[in-house]
Amino acid sequence: MAMRRSSADLGFIHRFKPGKGNLTLLLLHGTGGDEEDLLALGTALAPDASLLSPRGKVTENGMPRFFRRLAEGVFDLEDLKFRSEELADFVKAASVRYGFESKPVVLVGYSNGANIAAGMLLAGSLLPAGALLFRPMVPLRPEELPDLKGMPVFISAGRFDQVVPPGEAERLARLLGDAGAEVTLNWENGTHALAGQGEVKKAASWLLQNFGS
């Protein structure tokens, strides 16, 4: 089925690609990316899945992001909470528009996109079927953890990541685990960039094992 062109309706510039399978991947790019960035990754992860890929509405030095930060690794928590709710509302509206409201949605985020995905999980603003988080940090620590019981989450971290401080992946894994998620923590001998096809294949295998698509 044909990819829909970029559209700014529903509040976000986005792309939607209908798929033959039952699964929808919400693709959330990193700083400086856009709605095109993770489409190839989404197809590699689940060839038959539908793909929903929004562009972040915040800009930093002209580069799109999903929420503001005060400095490298220092997040604007109020903006993060607002943008998390805003993005969750977009996903709910898109699910009706594109007809996947009764189908499982899995978040796929890289860097800034992984952080807002984790933020939505921890804030309880969006509770998808699962999540794939590449190079995430702990975005916030809620006063009360949401109920993520049984939710499969795949975290993929780089041992030589020059952006994410050491230990962030473990802290996020523990936090999500404390909320009841079934967390798989994958380590790559790489940097902040994705490590290549080997890493993608591990994530695709995890996705197939948990969702069959």
Protein backbone atom coordinates (compact mmCIF):
# COMPACT_ATOMS: atom_id res chain seq x y z
CA MET A 1 0.00 0.00 0.00
CA ALA A 2 1.23 3.48 -0.81
CA MET A 3 2.88 5.80 1.68
CA ARG A 4 0.76 8.84 2.47
CA ARG A 5 2.55 12.12 1.85
CA SER A 6 3.65 14.30 4.74
CA SER A 7 0.62 15.89 6.33
CA ALA A 8 0.30 18.52 9.06
CA ASP A 9 -3.22 17.58 10.10
CA LEU A 10 -3.88 16.02 13.49
CA GLY A 11 -1.44 18.58 14.93
CA PHE A 12 1.85 17.04 13.73
CA ILE A 13 3.58 16.89 10.38
CA HIS A 14 3.70 13.15 9.86
CA ARG A 15 3.78 10.21 7.51
CA PHE A 16 1.59 7.13 7.65
CA LYS A 17 2.30 3.95 5.74
CA PRO A 18 -0.47 1.33 5.91
CA GLY A 19 0.82 -2.20 6.36
CA LYS A 20 -0.51 -5.69 5.73
CA GLY A 21 0.06 -6.82 9.31
CA ASN A 22 -1.77 -6.17 12.56
CA LEU A 23 1.00 -4.10 14.16
CA THR A 24 1.58 -0.32 14.01
CA LEU A 25 5.00 1.16 14.82
CA LEU A 26 5.14 4.72 16.13
CA LEU A 27 8.50 6.02 14.89
CA LEU A 28 10.09 8.80 16.96
CA HIS A 29 13.24 10.38 15.53
CA GLY A 30 16.26 11.85 17.28
CA THR A 31 17.36 15.49 17.42
CA GLY A 32 17.63 16.93 13.91
CA GLY A 33 15.53 14.18 12.35
CA ASP A 34 12.09 14.38 10.80
CA GLU A 35 9.17 12.21 9.74
CA GLU A 36 11.31 10.50 7.08
CA ASP A 37 14.20 9.48 9.34
CA LEU A 38 13.11 6.15 10.78
CA LEU A 39 10.91 4.83 7.97
CA ALA A 40 13.62 2.49 6.69
CA LEU A 41 14.29 1.29 10.24
CA GLY A 42 10.59 0.63 10.77
CA THR A 43 10.39 -1.43 7.59
CA ALA A 44 13.52 -3.38 8.58
CA LEU A 45 12.07 -4.10 12.03
CA ALA A 46 8.65 -5.26 10.82
CA PRO A 47 8.11 -5.32 7.03
CA ASP A 48 4.35 -5.85 7.29
CA ALA A 49 3.67 -3.30 10.04
CA SER A 50 1.94 0.03 9.52
CA LEU A 51 4.23 2.99 10.19
CA LEU A 52 3.24 6.27 11.85
CA SER A 53 6.08 8.79 11.89
CA PRO A 54 5.56 12.32 13.28
CA ARG A 55 8.01 15.21 13.23
CA GLY A 56 8.89 16.78 16.59
CA LYS A 57 7.35 20.24 17.05
CA VAL A 58 10.17 21.79 19.10
CA THR A 59 13.26 23.18 17.38
CA GLU A 60 16.76 23.61 18.77
CA ASN A 61 19.11 25.59 16.54
CA GLY A 62 16.78 24.77 13.68
CA MET A 63 16.73 21.04 14.45
CA PRO A 64 13.41 19.31 15.23
CA ARG A 65 13.01 17.67 18.64
CA PHE A 66 10.08 16.29 20.60
CA PHE A 67 10.67 18.41 23.72
CA ARG A 68 12.95 21.16 24.98
CA ARG A 69 16.11 20.70 26.98
CA LEU A 70 17.95 23.25 29.11
CA ALA A 71 21.40 21.81 28.32
CA GLU A 72 22.90 18.56 27.04
CA GLY A 73 21.23 15.86 29.12
CA VAL A 74 19.19 18.39 31.17
CA PHE A 75 15.53 18.23 30.21
CA ASP A 76 12.78 20.82 30.55
CA LEU A 77 10.47 18.55 32.55
CA GLU A 78 7.39 20.75 32.25
CA ASP A 79 7.76 20.86 28.48
CA LEU A 80 8.44 17.12 28.42
CA LYS A 81 5.18 16.43 30.26
CA PHE A 82 3.20 18.79 28.01
CA ARG A 83 4.71 17.39 24.80
CA SER A 84 4.16 13.82 26.00
CA GLU A 85 0.46 14.48 26.44
CA GLU A 86 0.32 16.31 23.11
CA LEU A 87 1.99 13.43 21.29
CA ALA A 88 -0.22 10.86 23.02
CA ASP A 89 -3.31 12.80 21.87
CA PHE A 90 -1.93 12.79 18.32
CA VAL A 91 -1.45 9.01 18.39
CA LYS A 92 -5.01 8.49 19.64
CA ALA A 93 -6.43 10.77 16.92
CA ALA A 94 -4.27 9.12 14.25
CA SER A 95 -5.42 5.67 15.34
CA VAL A 96 -8.99 6.69 14.56
CA ARG A 97 -8.09 8.49 11.33
CA TYR A 98 -6.05 5.57 9.98
CA GLY A 99 -8.07 2.77 11.51
CA PHE A 100 -5.64 1.09 13.90
CA GLU A 101 -7.35 1.98 17.20
CA SER A 102 -8.06 -1.68 17.97
CA LYS A 103 -4.59 -2.89 16.92
CA PRO A 104 -1.35 -3.07 18.93
CA VAL A 105 0.99 -0.06 18.78
CA VAL A 106 4.70 -0.36 19.56
CA LEU A 107 6.83 2.72 20.17
CA VAL A 108 10.16 2.85 18.32
CA GLY A 109 12.31 5.75 19.48
CA TYR A 110 15.89 6.80 18.90
CA SER A 111 17.74 9.24 21.21
CA ASN A 112 15.36 12.20 21.78
CA GLY A 113 12.56 10.08 20.36
CA ALA A 114 13.40 7.25 22.76
CA ASN A 115 13.36 9.74 25.63
CA ILE A 116 9.89 11.06 24.88
CA ALA A 117 8.70 7.47 24.36
CA ALA A 118 10.04 6.55 27.81
CA GLY A 119 8.50 9.76 29.15
CA MET A 120 5.06 8.77 27.84
CA LEU A 121 5.42 5.34 29.43
CA LEU A 122 6.51 6.66 32.82
CA ALA A 123 3.91 9.42 32.86
CA GLY A 124 1.19 7.01 31.77
CA SER A 125 0.11 9.38 28.99
CA LEU A 126 0.28 6.58 26.41
CA LEU A 127 0.32 2.88 27.23
CA PRO A 128 1.17 1.01 24.03
CA ALA A 129 1.60 -2.71 23.53
CA GLY A 130 5.38 -2.35 23.85
CA ALA A 131 8.41 -0.19 23.11
CA LEU A 132 11.80 -0.31 21.40
CA LEU A 133 14.11 2.34 22.84
CA PHE A 134 17.45 3.00 21.14
CA ARG A 135 19.99 5.04 23.17
CA PRO A 136 17.54 6.36 25.78
CA MET A 137 18.06 8.24 29.04
CA VAL A 138 15.83 8.42 32.10
CA PRO A 139 13.56 11.31 31.06
CA LEU A 140 11.73 11.78 34.38
CA ARG A 141 11.03 10.07 37.67
CA PRO A 142 7.29 10.07 38.37
CA GLU A 143 6.02 10.38 41.94
CA GLU A 144 3.92 7.29 41.28
CA LEU A 145 4.88 4.62 38.77
CA PRO A 146 2.32 3.64 36.12
CA ASP A 147 1.10 0.09 35.75
CA LEU A 148 3.21 -1.39 32.93
CA LYS A 149 2.66 -4.98 34.05
CA GLY A 150 3.65 -7.41 31.32
CA MET A 151 4.57 -4.74 28.75
CA PRO A 152 7.60 -5.86 26.70
CA VAL A 153 10.28 -3.18 26.37
CA PHE A 154 13.56 -3.48 24.44
CA ILE A 155 16.32 -1.06 25.42
CA SER A 156 19.40 -0.92 23.21
CA ALA A 157 22.44 0.97 24.51
CA GLY A 158 25.97 1.68 23.24
CA ARG A 159 28.91 0.87 25.50
CA PHE A 160 30.85 3.82 24.07
CA ASP A 161 27.95 6.26 23.79
CA GLN A 162 29.36 9.80 23.87
CA VAL A 163 25.94 11.39 24.57
CA VAL A 164 24.18 9.19 27.12
CA PRO A 165 25.99 8.96 30.48
CA PRO A 166 27.05 5.52 31.69
CA GLY A 167 24.40 3.77 33.72
CA GLU A 168 21.39 5.56 32.20
CA ALA A 169 20.21 2.46 30.36
CA GLU A 170 20.40 0.36 33.53
CA ARG A 171 18.55 3.01 35.54
CA LEU A 172 15.78 3.23 32.95
CA ALA A 173 15.55 -0.56 32.77
CA ARG A 174 15.17 -0.75 36.56
CA LEU A 175 12.57 2.02 36.60
CA LEU A 176 10.45 0.42 33.89
CA GLY A 177 10.93 -2.97 35.52
CA ASP A 178 9.72 -1.58 38.84
CA ALA A 179 6.58 -0.44 36.98
CA GLY A 180 6.04 -4.03 35.85
CA ALA A 181 7.46 -3.95 32.33
CA GLU A 182 9.31 -6.99 30.99
CA VAL A 183 12.56 -5.30 29.99
CA THR A 184 15.24 -6.65 27.67
CA LEU A 185 18.48 -4.64 27.91
CA ASN A 186 20.73 -5.06 24.88
CA TRP A 187 24.30 -3.74 24.79
CA GLU A 188 26.20 -2.93 21.63
CA ASN A 189 29.92 -2.22 21.29
CA GLY A 190 29.05 1.08 19.65
CA THR A 191 28.47 4.78 20.16
CA HIS A 192 25.30 6.89 20.18
CA ALA A 193 24.66 5.97 16.55
CA LEU A 194 22.91 2.71 15.78
CA ALA A 195 25.47 -0.06 15.53
CA GLY A 196 24.27 -1.42 12.18
CA GLN A 197 22.32 -4.37 10.83
CA GLY A 198 23.29 -6.63 13.70
CA GLU A 199 21.55 -4.39 16.21
CA VAL A 200 18.51 -4.00 13.97
CA LYS A 201 18.25 -7.78 13.55
CA LYS A 202 18.28 -8.29 17.33
CA ALA A 203 15.48 -5.73 17.71
CA ALA A 204 13.51 -7.27 14.83
CA SER A 205 13.85 -10.74 16.37
CA TRP A 206 12.61 -9.41 19.72
CA LEU A 207 9.67 -7.75 17.97
CA LEU A 208 8.78 -10.93 16.11
CA GLN A 209 9.02 -13.00 19.27
CA ASN A 210 6.72 -10.67 21.21
CA PHE A 211 4.27 -9.53 18.54
CA GLY A 212 4.61 -11.90 15.63
CA SER A 213 5.01 -9.10 13.08
